[in-house]
Amino acid sequence: MATLFDVTPVEALERVVHCLDRANDSGFKAKAFTRALEVVRGMSAAELAERAAGNTLTQLEGIGDSSAKVIVQALSGDTTYLDDLDRKTGISMSPGGAAYRAALRGDCHMHSRWSDGGASVEAMARTALSLGHEYIVLTDHSARLTIAHGLDRHRLLDQLGDVALLNERLAPFRILTGMEVDILEDGSLDLDDDLLGELDVVVASVHSKLRMDSDPMTVRMLAAVSSPHVDVLGHCTGRLIGKRPESTFDADVVFGACASSRTAVELNCRPERLDPPADLLNRAIELGCFFAINSDAHATGQLEWQPFGCDTASQHAVPLERIINTWSADELLAWTGRSNLASH
């Protein structure tokens, strides 16, 4: 019998979903276990145990053979399935990458159910805490990205209230407020200045018109990264490896502006992005940019993707002292100029 950890059926199914998210499995299996988790969360422990004993779990809509097996094993203290899945989906990294990962104290780009994420803010925070982080920056999408259920002004204000309450419960762990703000076609930002000024960390990213010619894209990005409100340039080329090519822009102009305005360039750790590509990363290093190694997680398991960016940072010898999420939360807030906000 395996002994990874003793878990309840809900915790076991949560762990399965976490591991599948970590493996970037968004197919039928992941959807089936997510549905099973929803069903089990709505059941009493007594009913669940009775159905497990009577072998009637699969009579419930949403519970299949595999999820029933996980439930039965959890009730009997057996974690064989979880152990095996944990081994298969674990993420390895190089020794050099491990040194960078050990230095990280937070993650500055992630999404929750408030926009297009698959987990609550609290679940993301507790997972980050279990991974050794001291803080996260919550960066749900801004309103213009309607496909991602982006937050308008009123929803963002509601979220800020929820985050304040969570911070009281989770202290000393900290959820820093933020947003992944769309860089609009003219280089303006998809959020009012007063709210941008209230957020702890602002990530700005291009999500539309990605095939603009290089000159207008350069002007567009230059305006955004030069904004006093923007702290991180997210996934700078917008590429999806094997699916969508890189946007083109004058790297010297954009990264030069990032360096002079102290806007960090993100090393996006999503395996389908791994942005920026090697040539652009090398140029950003040469120009003196700061960096943030960010998971861009949309689920708890994806918070474990930072090793991908850490390996990249190691391969290109990104100066450790220029990686902003190796700093404490207070140091990060001093750098973004938000250390005097009332919420802190």
C-alpha atoms as a PDB file:
ATOM      1  CA  MET A   1       0.000   0.000   0.000  1.00  0.00           C
ATOM      2  CA  ALA A   2       1.283   3.468  -0.912  1.00  0.00           C
ATOM      3  CA  THR A   3       1.852   6.088   1.752  1.00  0.00           C
ATOM      4  CA  LEU A   4       2.176   9.439  -0.028  1.00  0.00           C
ATOM      5  CA  PHE A   5      -0.321  11.018   2.376  1.00  0.00           C
ATOM      6  CA  ASP A   6      -3.651  10.182   3.997  1.00  0.00           C
ATOM      7  CA  VAL A   7      -6.450  12.020   2.258  1.00  0.00           C
ATOM      8  CA  THR A   8     -10.213  12.327   2.185  1.00  0.00           C
ATOM      9  CA  PRO A   9     -12.003  11.522  -1.087  1.00  0.00           C
ATOM     10  CA  VAL A  10     -12.338  15.251  -1.816  1.00  0.00           C
ATOM     11  CA  GLU A  11      -8.640  15.844  -1.142  1.00  0.00           C
ATOM     12  CA  ALA A  12      -7.724  12.820  -3.275  1.00  0.00           C
ATOM     13  CA  LEU A  13      -9.755  14.065  -6.239  1.00  0.00           C
ATOM     14  CA  GLU A  14      -8.353  17.572  -5.780  1.00  0.00           C
ATOM     15  CA  ARG A  15      -4.867  16.106  -5.943  1.00  0.00           C
ATOM     16  CA  VAL A  16      -5.688  14.186  -9.122  1.00  0.00           C
ATOM     17  CA  VAL A  17      -6.975  17.369 -10.765  1.00  0.00           C
ATOM     18  CA  HIS A  18      -3.872  19.215  -9.556  1.00  0.00           C
ATOM     19  CA  CYS A  19      -1.548  16.603 -11.081  1.00  0.00           C
ATOM     20  CA  LEU A  20      -3.432  16.609 -14.388  1.00  0.00           C
ATOM     21  CA  ASP A  21      -3.242  20.405 -14.494  1.00  0.00           C
ATOM     22  CA  ARG A  22       0.488  20.173 -13.747  1.00  0.00           C
ATOM     23  CA  ALA A  23       0.822  17.812 -16.720  1.00  0.00           C
ATOM     24  CA  ASN A  24      -1.109  20.322 -18.881  1.00  0.00           C
ATOM     25  CA  ASP A  25      -3.805  17.697 -19.464  1.00  0.00           C
ATOM     26  CA  SER A  26      -7.004  19.521 -20.359  1.00  0.00           C
ATOM     27  CA  GLY A  27      -8.642  16.583 -22.123  1.00  0.00           C
ATOM     28  CA  PHE A  28     -11.458  14.211 -21.271  1.00  0.00           C
ATOM     29  CA  LYS A  29      -9.703  12.684 -18.277  1.00  0.00           C
ATOM     30  CA  ALA A  30      -9.145  16.027 -16.588  1.00  0.00           C
ATOM     31  CA  LYS A  31     -12.713  17.120 -17.246  1.00  0.00           C
ATOM     32  CA  ALA A  32     -14.056  13.817 -15.904  1.00  0.00           C
ATOM     33  CA  PHE A  33     -12.136  14.089 -12.633  1.00  0.00           C
ATOM     34  CA  THR A  34     -13.144  17.746 -12.250  1.00  0.00           C
ATOM     35  CA  ARG A  35     -16.787  16.758 -12.633  1.00  0.00           C
ATOM     36  CA  ALA A  36     -16.365  13.912 -10.134  1.00  0.00           C
ATOM     37  CA  LEU A  37     -14.826  16.343  -7.662  1.00  0.00           C
ATOM     38  CA  GLU A  38     -17.853  18.630  -7.967  1.00  0.00           C
ATOM     39  CA  VAL A  39     -20.191  15.689  -7.309  1.00  0.00           C
ATOM     40  CA  VAL A  40     -18.283  14.458  -4.263  1.00  0.00           C
ATOM     41  CA  ARG A  41     -18.066  17.943  -2.756  1.00  0.00           C
ATOM     42  CA  GLY A  42     -21.871  17.954  -2.691  1.00  0.00           C
ATOM     43  CA  MET A  43     -22.199  14.621  -0.865  1.00  0.00           C
ATOM     44  CA  SER A  44     -22.082  13.804   2.830  1.00  0.00           C
ATOM     45  CA  ALA A  45     -19.281  11.615   4.122  1.00  0.00           C
ATOM     46  CA  ALA A  46     -21.842   9.033   5.243  1.00  0.00           C
ATOM     47  CA  GLU A  47     -23.467   8.725   1.817  1.00  0.00           C
ATOM     48  CA  LEU A  48     -20.093   8.502   0.129  1.00  0.00           C
ATOM     49  CA  ALA A  49     -18.942   5.734   2.455  1.00  0.00           C
ATOM     50  CA  GLU A  50     -22.222   3.860   2.016  1.00  0.00           C
ATOM     51  CA  ARG A  51     -22.016   3.979  -1.759  1.00  0.00           C
ATOM     52  CA  ALA A  52     -18.356   2.939  -1.711  1.00  0.00           C
ATOM     53  CA  ALA A  53     -19.200  -0.048   0.502  1.00  0.00           C
ATOM     54  CA  GLY A  54     -22.132  -0.997  -1.731  1.00  0.00           C
ATOM     55  CA  ASN A  55     -20.150  -0.525  -4.948  1.00  0.00           C
ATOM     56  CA  THR A  56     -22.718   1.973  -6.263  1.00  0.00           C
ATOM     57  CA  LEU A  57     -20.544   5.040  -6.775  1.00  0.00           C
ATOM     58  CA  THR A  58     -20.623   4.746 -10.544  1.00  0.00           C
ATOM     59  CA  GLN A  59     -24.407   4.937 -10.481  1.00  0.00           C
ATOM     60  CA  LEU A  60     -23.959   8.633  -9.742  1.00  0.00           C
ATOM     61  CA  GLU A  61     -23.815  10.862 -12.805  1.00  0.00           C
ATOM     62  CA  GLY A  62     -20.299  12.231 -13.010  1.00  0.00           C
ATOM     63  CA  ILE A  63     -18.561   9.349 -11.218  1.00  0.00           C
ATOM     64  CA  GLY A  64     -16.735   6.922 -13.492  1.00  0.00           C
ATOM     65  CA  ASP A  65     -14.609   3.875 -12.835  1.00  0.00           C
ATOM     66  CA  SER A  66     -11.377   5.805 -12.331  1.00  0.00           C
ATOM     67  CA  SER A  67     -12.834   8.421  -9.982  1.00  0.00           C
ATOM     68  CA  ALA A  68     -14.669   5.688  -8.048  1.00  0.00           C
ATOM     69  CA  LYS A  69     -11.354   3.880  -7.636  1.00  0.00           C
ATOM     70  CA  VAL A  70      -9.727   7.007  -6.206  1.00  0.00           C
ATOM     71  CA  ILE A  71     -12.616   7.500  -3.776  1.00  0.00           C
ATOM     72  CA  VAL A  72     -12.534   3.895  -2.561  1.00  0.00           C
ATOM     73  CA  GLN A  73      -8.761   3.973  -2.139  1.00  0.00           C
ATOM     74  CA  ALA A  74      -8.948   7.226  -0.167  1.00  0.00           C
ATOM     75  CA  LEU A  75     -11.584   5.786   2.172  1.00  0.00           C
ATOM     76  CA  SER A  76      -9.371   2.760   2.834  1.00  0.00           C
ATOM     77  CA  GLY A  77      -6.205   4.806   3.359  1.00  0.00           C
ATOM     78  CA  ASP A  78      -4.640   3.622   0.094  1.00  0.00           C
ATOM     79  CA  THR A  79      -2.955   6.262  -2.095  1.00  0.00           C
ATOM     80  CA  THR A  80      -1.589   3.957  -4.796  1.00  0.00           C
ATOM     81  CA  TYR A  81      -3.298   5.813  -7.651  1.00  0.00           C
ATOM     82  CA  LEU A  82      -2.184   9.192  -6.324  1.00  0.00           C
ATOM     83  CA  ASP A  83       1.407   8.052  -5.802  1.00  0.00           C
ATOM     84  CA  ASP A  84       1.612   6.760  -9.351  1.00  0.00           C
ATOM     85  CA  LEU A  85       0.049   9.879 -10.860  1.00  0.00           C
ATOM     86  CA  ASP A  86       2.287  12.132  -8.771  1.00  0.00           C
ATOM     87  CA  ARG A  87       5.389  10.351 -10.093  1.00  0.00           C
ATOM     88  CA  LYS A  88       4.225  10.450 -13.690  1.00  0.00           C
ATOM     89  CA  THR A  89       3.354  14.153 -13.681  1.00  0.00           C
ATOM     90  CA  GLY A  90       6.221  15.480 -11.558  1.00  0.00           C
ATOM     91  CA  ILE A  91       8.341  18.246 -13.082  1.00  0.00           C
ATOM     92  CA  SER A  92      12.107  17.915 -13.077  1.00  0.00           C
ATOM     93  CA  MET A  93      14.677  20.643 -13.562  1.00  0.00           C
ATOM     94  CA  SER A  94      18.371  21.003 -14.101  1.00  0.00           C
ATOM     95  CA  PRO A  95      20.725  21.677 -11.160  1.00  0.00           C
ATOM     96  CA  GLY A  96      21.174  25.206 -12.459  1.00  0.00           C
ATOM     97  CA  GLY A  97      17.434  25.690 -12.709  1.00  0.00           C
ATOM     98  CA  ALA A  98      17.006  24.356  -9.189  1.00  0.00           C
ATOM     99  CA  ALA A  99      19.246  27.140  -7.875  1.00  0.00           C
ATOM    100  CA  TYR A 100      16.989  29.741  -9.466  1.00  0.00           C
ATOM    101  CA  ARG A 101      13.857  28.005  -8.195  1.00  0.00           C
ATOM    102  CA  ALA A 102      15.237  27.923  -4.656  1.00  0.00           C
ATOM    103  CA  ALA A 103      15.708  31.705  -4.835  1.00  0.00           C
ATOM    104  CA  LEU A 104      12.124  32.477  -5.853  1.00  0.00           C
ATOM    105  CA  ARG A 105       9.932  33.854  -3.083  1.00  0.00           C
ATOM    106  CA  GLY A 106       6.789  34.477  -5.077  1.00  0.00           C
ATOM    107  CA  ASP A 107       4.949  34.283  -8.384  1.00  0.00           C
ATOM    108  CA  CYS A 108       3.823  37.490 -10.087  1.00  0.00           C
ATOM    109  CA  HIS A 109       1.353  36.243 -12.719  1.00  0.00           C
ATOM    110  CA  MET A 110      -1.603  33.904 -12.220  1.00  0.00           C
ATOM    111  CA  HIS A 111      -5.349  33.682 -12.748  1.00  0.00           C
ATOM    112  CA  SER A 112      -8.297  32.551 -10.671  1.00  0.00           C
ATOM    113  CA  ARG A 113     -11.954  31.777 -11.224  1.00  0.00           C
ATOM    114  CA  TRP A 114     -12.571  35.509 -11.247  1.00  0.00           C
ATOM    115  CA  SER A 115     -11.439  35.423 -14.894  1.00  0.00           C
ATOM    116  CA  ASP A 116     -10.423  32.318 -16.826  1.00  0.00           C
ATOM    117  CA  GLY A 117      -8.705  30.319 -14.075  1.00  0.00           C
ATOM    118  CA  GLY A 118      -9.945  27.009 -12.740  1.00  0.00           C
ATOM    119  CA  ALA A 119      -9.399  27.494  -9.001  1.00  0.00           C
ATOM    120  CA  SER A 120     -10.355  29.939  -6.277  1.00  0.00           C
ATOM    121  CA  VAL A 121      -7.966  32.636  -5.095  1.00  0.00           C
ATOM    122  CA  GLU A 122      -7.636  30.831  -1.775  1.00  0.00           C
ATOM    123  CA  ALA A 123      -6.786  27.523  -3.467  1.00  0.00           C
ATOM    124  CA  MET A 124      -4.116  29.224  -5.554  1.00  0.00           C
ATOM    125  CA  ALA A 125      -2.698  30.941  -2.473  1.00  0.00           C
ATOM    126  CA  ARG A 126      -2.628  27.795  -0.342  1.00  0.00           C
ATOM    127  CA  THR A 127      -0.959  25.854  -3.139  1.00  0.00           C
ATOM    128  CA  ALA A 128       1.671  28.551  -3.562  1.00  0.00           C
ATOM    129  CA  LEU A 129       2.288  28.452   0.182  1.00  0.00           C
ATOM    130  CA  SER A 130       2.752  24.666   0.010  1.00  0.00           C
ATOM    131  CA  LEU A 131       5.342  25.211  -2.740  1.00  0.00           C
ATOM    132  CA  GLY A 132       7.392  27.424  -0.456  1.00  0.00           C
ATOM    133  CA  HIS A 133       6.289  30.859  -1.630  1.00  0.00           C
ATOM    134  CA  GLU A 134       5.854  33.828   0.665  1.00  0.00           C
ATOM    135  CA  TYR A 135       3.437  35.654  -1.633  1.00  0.00           C
ATOM    136  CA  ILE A 136       1.607  35.597  -4.931  1.00  0.00           C
ATOM    137  CA  VAL A 137       0.396  38.392  -7.169  1.00  0.00           C
ATOM    138  CA  LEU A 138      -3.169  37.821  -8.342  1.00  0.00           C
ATOM    139  CA  THR A 139      -3.385  39.028 -11.950  1.00  0.00           C
ATOM    140  CA  ASP A 140      -6.745  38.176 -13.446  1.00  0.00           C
ATOM    141  CA  HIS A 141      -7.506  39.566 -16.895  1.00  0.00           C
ATOM    142  CA  SER A 142      -8.857  43.038 -17.565  1.00  0.00           C
ATOM    143  CA  ALA A 143     -12.312  43.615 -19.042  1.00  0.00           C
ATOM    144  CA  ARG A 144     -11.397  43.886 -22.731  1.00  0.00           C
ATOM    145  CA  LEU A 145     -10.473  40.189 -22.858  1.00  0.00           C
ATOM    146  CA  THR A 146     -14.100  39.079 -22.788  1.00  0.00           C
ATOM    147  CA  ILE A 147     -13.265  35.512 -23.813  1.00  0.00           C
ATOM    148  CA  ALA A 148     -11.419  35.228 -20.489  1.00  0.00           C
ATOM    149  CA  HIS A 149     -14.257  36.848 -18.478  1.00  0.00           C
ATOM    150  CA  GLY A 150     -12.026  39.797 -17.682  1.00  0.00           C
ATOM    151  CA  LEU A 151     -12.743  42.026 -14.701  1.00  0.00           C
ATOM    152  CA  ASP A 152     -14.345  45.418 -15.137  1.00  0.00           C
ATOM    153  CA  ARG A 153     -13.961  48.193 -12.589  1.00  0.00           C
ATOM    154  CA  HIS A 154     -16.721  46.982 -10.286  1.00  0.00           C
ATOM    155  CA  ARG A 155     -15.642  43.330 -10.275  1.00  0.00           C
ATOM    156  CA  LEU A 156     -12.048  44.337  -9.591  1.00  0.00           C
ATOM    157  CA  LEU A 157     -13.140  46.397  -6.589  1.00  0.00           C
ATOM    158  CA  ASP A 158     -15.105  43.388  -5.316  1.00  0.00           C
ATOM    159  CA  GLN A 159     -12.021  41.205  -5.767  1.00  0.00           C
ATOM    160  CA  LEU A 160      -9.851  43.653  -3.844  1.00  0.00           C
ATOM    161  CA  GLY A 161     -12.250  43.359  -0.913  1.00  0.00           C
ATOM    162  CA  ASP A 162     -12.096  39.561  -1.016  1.00  0.00           C
ATOM    163  CA  VAL A 163      -8.300  39.599  -1.170  1.00  0.00           C
ATOM    164  CA  ALA A 164      -8.128  41.832   1.908  1.00  0.00           C
ATOM    165  CA  LEU A 165     -10.192  39.305   3.868  1.00  0.00           C
ATOM    166  CA  LEU A 166      -8.095  36.380   2.627  1.00  0.00           C
ATOM    167  CA  ASN A 167      -4.908  38.150   3.648  1.00  0.00           C
ATOM    168  CA  GLU A 168      -6.203  38.390   7.201  1.00  0.00           C
ATOM    169  CA  ARG A 169      -6.763  34.618   7.261  1.00  0.00           C
ATOM    170  CA  LEU A 170      -3.583  33.556   5.490  1.00  0.00           C
ATOM    171  CA  ALA A 171      -1.058  35.876   7.143  1.00  0.00           C
ATOM    172  CA  PRO A 172       1.903  35.976   7.096  1.00  0.00           C
ATOM    173  CA  PHE A 173       1.453  34.676   3.545  1.00  0.00           C
ATOM    174  CA  ARG A 174       0.425  37.563   1.292  1.00  0.00           C
ATOM    175  CA  ILE A 175      -1.751  37.883  -1.766  1.00  0.00           C
ATOM    176  CA  LEU A 176      -0.618  41.020  -3.565  1.00  0.00           C
ATOM    177  CA  THR A 177      -3.217  42.725  -5.713  1.00  0.00           C
ATOM    178  CA  GLY A 178      -2.709  42.996  -9.435  1.00  0.00           C
ATOM    179  CA  MET A 179      -4.114  42.526 -12.891  1.00  0.00           C
ATOM    180  CA  GLU A 180      -2.945  41.354 -16.287  1.00  0.00           C
ATOM    181  CA  VAL A 181      -3.993  44.449 -18.178  1.00  0.00           C
ATOM    182  CA  ASP A 182      -4.498  44.359 -21.916  1.00  0.00           C
ATOM    183  CA  ILE A 183      -2.249  46.605 -23.978  1.00  0.00           C
ATOM    184  CA  LEU A 184      -4.721  48.129 -26.408  1.00  0.00           C
ATOM    185  CA  GLU A 185      -3.937  48.787 -30.049  1.00  0.00           C
ATOM    186  CA  ASP A 186      -2.846  52.370 -29.391  1.00  0.00           C
ATOM    187  CA  GLY A 187      -0.669  51.369 -26.424  1.00  0.00           C
ATOM    188  CA  SER A 188      -3.099  52.513 -23.759  1.00  0.00           C
ATOM    189  CA  LEU A 189      -4.042  50.217 -20.886  1.00  0.00           C
ATOM    190  CA  ASP A 190      -7.374  48.517 -20.309  1.00  0.00           C
ATOM    191  CA  LEU A 191      -8.008  49.945 -16.838  1.00  0.00           C
ATOM    192  CA  ASP A 192      -8.555  53.401 -15.364  1.00  0.00           C
ATOM    193  CA  ASP A 193      -5.486  55.147 -13.970  1.00  0.00           C
ATOM    194  CA  ASP A 194      -6.913  55.446 -10.471  1.00  0.00           C
ATOM    195  CA  LEU A 195      -7.327  51.666 -10.179  1.00  0.00           C
ATOM    196  CA  LEU A 196      -3.960  50.982 -11.801  1.00  0.00           C
ATOM    197  CA  GLY A 197      -2.464  53.141  -9.079  1.00  0.00           C
ATOM    198  CA  GLU A 198      -4.164  51.074  -6.359  1.00  0.00           C
ATOM    199  CA  LEU A 199      -2.797  47.713  -7.502  1.00  0.00           C
ATOM    200  CA  ASP A 200       0.405  46.314  -6.032  1.00  0.00           C
ATOM    201  CA  VAL A 201       1.763  44.889  -9.292  1.00  0.00           C
ATOM    202  CA  VAL A 202       0.543  45.436 -12.857  1.00  0.00           C
ATOM    203  CA  VAL A 203       1.383  43.007 -15.660  1.00  0.00           C
ATOM    204  CA  ALA A 204       0.684  44.396 -19.149  1.00  0.00           C
ATOM    205  CA  SER A 205       0.310  42.062 -22.121  1.00  0.00           C
ATOM    206  CA  VAL A 206      -0.707  42.145 -25.776  1.00  0.00           C
ATOM    207  CA  HIS A 207      -3.599  39.780 -26.484  1.00  0.00           C
ATOM    208  CA  SER A 208      -5.057  41.210 -29.710  1.00  0.00           C
ATOM    209  CA  LYS A 209      -3.804  42.268 -33.140  1.00  0.00           C
ATOM    210  CA  LEU A 210      -0.726  40.115 -32.572  1.00  0.00           C
ATOM    211  CA  ARG A 211       0.229  40.214 -36.256  1.00  0.00           C
ATOM    212  CA  MET A 212       0.633  43.996 -36.399  1.00  0.00           C
ATOM    213  CA  ASP A 213       3.618  45.207 -38.375  1.00  0.00           C
ATOM    214  CA  SER A 214       6.773  45.646 -36.359  1.00  0.00           C
ATOM    215  CA  ASP A 215       6.772  49.459 -36.298  1.00  0.00           C
ATOM    216  CA  PRO A 216       3.248  49.975 -34.915  1.00  0.00           C
ATOM    217  CA  MET A 217       3.729  47.053 -32.514  1.00  0.00           C
ATOM    218  CA  THR A 218       6.903  48.697 -31.242  1.00  0.00           C
ATOM    219  CA  VAL A 219       5.075  51.986 -30.676  1.00  0.00           C
ATOM    220  CA  ARG A 220       2.237  50.133 -28.962  1.00  0.00           C
ATOM    221  CA  MET A 221       4.505  48.217 -26.587  1.00  0.00           C
ATOM    222  CA  LEU A 222       6.738  51.217 -25.942  1.00  0.00           C
ATOM    223  CA  ALA A 223       3.786  53.251 -24.695  1.00  0.00           C
ATOM    224  CA  ALA A 224       2.747  50.477 -22.328  1.00  0.00           C
ATOM    225  CA  VAL A 225       6.111  49.598 -20.810  1.00  0.00           C
ATOM    226  CA  SER A 226       6.887  53.299 -20.313  1.00  0.00           C
ATOM    227  CA  SER A 227       3.721  53.788 -18.256  1.00  0.00           C
ATOM    228  CA  PRO A 228       4.465  54.483 -14.584  1.00  0.00           C
ATOM    229  CA  HIS A 229       1.716  51.998 -13.712  1.00  0.00           C
ATOM    230  CA  VAL A 230       3.222  48.986 -15.529  1.00  0.00           C
ATOM    231  CA  ASP A 231       5.623  46.768 -13.597  1.00  0.00           C
ATOM    232  CA  VAL A 232       5.951  43.664 -15.807  1.00  0.00           C
ATOM    233  CA  LEU A 233       5.729  43.104 -19.564  1.00  0.00           C
ATOM    234  CA  GLY A 234       3.907  39.798 -19.954  1.00  0.00           C
ATOM    235  CA  HIS A 235       4.713  37.127 -22.606  1.00  0.00           C
ATOM    236  CA  CYS A 236       6.278  39.689 -24.896  1.00  0.00           C
ATOM    237  CA  THR A 237       5.922  37.943 -28.279  1.00  0.00           C
ATOM    238  CA  GLY A 238       2.554  36.298 -27.625  1.00  0.00           C
ATOM    239  CA  ARG A 239       3.769  33.125 -29.294  1.00  0.00           C
ATOM    240  CA  LEU A 240       2.191  29.706 -28.835  1.00  0.00           C
ATOM    241  CA  ILE A 241       4.833  27.178 -29.784  1.00  0.00           C
ATOM    242  CA  GLY A 242       3.800  25.233 -32.875  1.00  0.00           C
ATOM    243  CA  LYS A 243       0.499  27.126 -33.113  1.00  0.00           C
ATOM    244  CA  ARG A 244       1.098  30.865 -33.285  1.00  0.00           C
ATOM    245  CA  PRO A 245       4.234  32.704 -34.400  1.00  0.00           C
ATOM    246  CA  GLU A 246       5.981  35.450 -32.481  1.00  0.00           C
ATOM    247  CA  SER A 247       4.852  39.038 -32.759  1.00  0.00           C
ATOM    248  CA  THR A 248       7.561  41.259 -34.189  1.00  0.00           C
ATOM    249  CA  PHE A 249       8.836  44.484 -32.636  1.00  0.00           C
ATOM    250  CA  ASP A 250      12.082  46.395 -32.242  1.00  0.00           C
ATOM    251  CA  ALA A 251      13.596  44.603 -29.253  1.00  0.00           C
ATOM    252  CA  ASP A 252      16.234  47.266 -28.649  1.00  0.00           C
ATOM    253  CA  VAL A 253      13.585  49.977 -28.372  1.00  0.00           C
ATOM    254  CA  VAL A 254      11.131  48.002 -26.237  1.00  0.00           C
ATOM    255  CA  PHE A 255      13.654  46.348 -23.934  1.00  0.00           C
ATOM    256  CA  GLY A 256      15.647  49.558 -23.708  1.00  0.00           C
ATOM    257  CA  ALA A 257      12.496  51.274 -22.469  1.00  0.00           C
ATOM    258  CA  CYS A 258      11.879  48.415 -20.030  1.00  0.00           C
ATOM    259  CA  ALA A 259      15.364  48.868 -18.617  1.00  0.00           C
ATOM    260  CA  SER A 260      15.101  52.647 -18.278  1.00  0.00           C
ATOM    261  CA  SER A 261      11.582  52.575 -16.790  1.00  0.00           C
ATOM    262  CA  ARG A 262      12.321  49.555 -14.575  1.00  0.00           C
ATOM    263  CA  THR A 263       9.594  47.436 -16.145  1.00  0.00           C
ATOM    264  CA  ALA A 264      10.489  43.761 -15.742  1.00  0.00           C
ATOM    265  CA  VAL A 265      10.410  41.402 -18.708  1.00  0.00           C
ATOM    266  CA  GLU A 266       8.500  38.244 -17.905  1.00  0.00           C
ATOM    267  CA  LEU A 267       9.967  34.793 -18.397  1.00  0.00           C
ATOM    268  CA  ASN A 268       6.624  33.132 -19.006  1.00  0.00           C
ATOM    269  CA  CYS A 269       6.804  29.525 -17.838  1.00  0.00           C
ATOM    270  CA  ARG A 270       3.792  28.095 -19.628  1.00  0.00           C
ATOM    271  CA  PRO A 271       5.193  25.220 -21.727  1.00  0.00           C
ATOM    272  CA  GLU A 272       3.301  26.371 -24.811  1.00  0.00           C
ATOM    273  CA  ARG A 273       4.747  29.877 -24.473  1.00  0.00           C
ATOM    274  CA  LEU A 274       8.260  29.860 -22.931  1.00  0.00           C
ATOM    275  CA  ASP A 275       8.389  33.523 -23.874  1.00  0.00           C
ATOM    276  CA  PRO A 276      10.657  35.350 -24.671  1.00  0.00           C
ATOM    277  CA  PRO A 277      12.565  33.197 -27.145  1.00  0.00           C
ATOM    278  CA  ALA A 278      16.303  32.797 -26.640  1.00  0.00           C
ATOM    279  CA  ASP A 279      17.478  35.636 -28.911  1.00  0.00           C
ATOM    280  CA  LEU A 280      15.155  38.164 -27.327  1.00  0.00           C
ATOM    281  CA  LEU A 281      15.973  37.015 -23.808  1.00  0.00           C
ATOM    282  CA  ASN A 282      19.676  37.442 -24.492  1.00  0.00           C
ATOM    283  CA  ARG A 283      19.073  40.963 -25.796  1.00  0.00           C
ATOM    284  CA  ALA A 284      16.975  41.878 -22.746  1.00  0.00           C
ATOM    285  CA  ILE A 285      19.801  40.677 -20.496  1.00  0.00           C
ATOM    286  CA  GLU A 286      22.364  42.728 -22.454  1.00  0.00           C
ATOM    287  CA  LEU A 287      20.200  45.848 -22.179  1.00  0.00           C
ATOM    288  CA  GLY A 288      20.005  45.559 -18.401  1.00  0.00           C
ATOM    289  CA  CYS A 289      16.366  44.558 -17.958  1.00  0.00           C
ATOM    290  CA  PHE A 290      14.841  43.215 -14.789  1.00  0.00           C
ATOM    291  CA  PHE A 291      12.917  39.918 -15.040  1.00  0.00           C
ATOM    292  CA  ALA A 292      10.088  37.994 -13.409  1.00  0.00           C
ATOM    293  CA  ILE A 293       9.887  34.200 -13.640  1.00  0.00           C
ATOM    294  CA  ASN A 294       6.118  33.691 -13.702  1.00  0.00           C
ATOM    295  CA  SER A 295       3.953  30.595 -13.999  1.00  0.00           C
ATOM    296  CA  ASP A 296       0.977  32.358 -15.678  1.00  0.00           C
ATOM    297  CA  ALA A 297      -0.961  29.605 -13.899  1.00  0.00           C
ATOM    298  CA  HIS A 298      -4.661  29.103 -14.545  1.00  0.00           C
ATOM    299  CA  ALA A 299      -4.964  26.191 -12.073  1.00  0.00           C
ATOM    300  CA  THR A 300      -3.200  25.025  -8.930  1.00  0.00           C
ATOM    301  CA  GLY A 301      -1.088  22.397 -10.692  1.00  0.00           C
ATOM    302  CA  GLN A 302       0.240  24.988 -13.122  1.00  0.00           C
ATOM    303  CA  LEU A 303       1.818  26.893 -10.237  1.00  0.00           C
ATOM    304  CA  GLU A 304       4.466  24.159 -10.429  1.00  0.00           C
ATOM    305  CA  TRP A 305       5.563  25.311 -13.900  1.00  0.00           C
ATOM    306  CA  GLN A 306       8.145  27.824 -12.665  1.00  0.00           C
ATOM    307  CA  PRO A 307      10.981  25.260 -13.133  1.00  0.00           C
ATOM    308  CA  PHE A 308      10.545  25.636 -16.908  1.00  0.00           C
ATOM    309  CA  GLY A 309      11.407  29.324 -16.640  1.00  0.00           C
ATOM    310  CA  CYS A 310      14.124  28.624 -14.081  1.00  0.00           C
ATOM    311  CA  ASP A 311      15.857  26.237 -16.472  1.00  0.00           C
ATOM    312  CA  THR A 312      15.697  28.918 -19.166  1.00  0.00           C
ATOM    313  CA  ALA A 313      17.094  31.514 -16.786  1.00  0.00           C
ATOM    314  CA  SER A 314      19.946  29.170 -15.896  1.00  0.00           C
ATOM    315  CA  GLN A 315      20.743  28.392 -19.523  1.00  0.00           C
ATOM    316  CA  HIS A 316      21.029  32.096 -20.325  1.00  0.00           C
ATOM    317  CA  ALA A 317      22.652  33.159 -17.046  1.00  0.00           C
ATOM    318  CA  VAL A 318      19.968  35.692 -16.166  1.00  0.00           C
ATOM    319  CA  PRO A 319      21.439  37.726 -13.279  1.00  0.00           C
ATOM    320  CA  LEU A 320      19.719  36.481 -10.142  1.00  0.00           C
ATOM    321  CA  GLU A 321      19.712  39.932  -8.565  1.00  0.00           C
ATOM    322  CA  ARG A 322      17.606  41.226 -11.459  1.00  0.00           C
ATOM    323  CA  ILE A 323      14.774  38.719 -10.935  1.00  0.00           C
ATOM    324  CA  ILE A 324      12.125  40.628  -9.012  1.00  0.00           C
ATOM    325  CA  ASN A 325      10.333  37.636  -7.503  1.00  0.00           C
ATOM    326  CA  THR A 326      13.485  36.570  -5.696  1.00  0.00           C
ATOM    327  CA  TRP A 327      12.783  39.608  -3.487  1.00  0.00           C
ATOM    328  CA  SER A 328      10.539  39.755  -0.440  1.00  0.00           C
ATOM    329  CA  ALA A 329       7.043  41.169  -0.821  1.00  0.00           C
ATOM    330  CA  ASP A 330       8.112  44.394   0.882  1.00  0.00           C
ATOM    331  CA  GLU A 331      11.112  44.754  -1.425  1.00  0.00           C
ATOM    332  CA  LEU A 332       8.900  44.117  -4.442  1.00  0.00           C
ATOM    333  CA  LEU A 333       6.368  46.709  -3.308  1.00  0.00           C
ATOM    334  CA  ALA A 334       9.119  49.252  -2.709  1.00  0.00           C
ATOM    335  CA  TRP A 335      10.330  48.599  -6.261  1.00  0.00           C
ATOM    336  CA  THR A 336       6.842  49.025  -7.766  1.00  0.00           C
ATOM    337  CA  GLY A 337       6.295  52.135  -5.674  1.00  0.00           C
ATOM    338  CA  ARG A 338       3.266  50.736  -3.858  1.00  0.00           C
ATOM    339  CA  SER A 339       4.844  50.196  -0.433  1.00  0.00           C
ATOM    340  CA  ASN A 340       2.839  53.083   1.029  1.00  0.00           C
ATOM    341  CA  LEU A 341      -0.579  51.744   0.043  1.00  0.00           C
ATOM    342  CA  ALA A 342      -3.037  51.580   2.896  1.00  0.00           C
ATOM    343  CA  SER A 343      -3.642  47.854   2.389  1.00  0.00           C
ATOM    344  CA  HIS A 344      -0.029  47.223   3.398  1.00  0.00           C
END
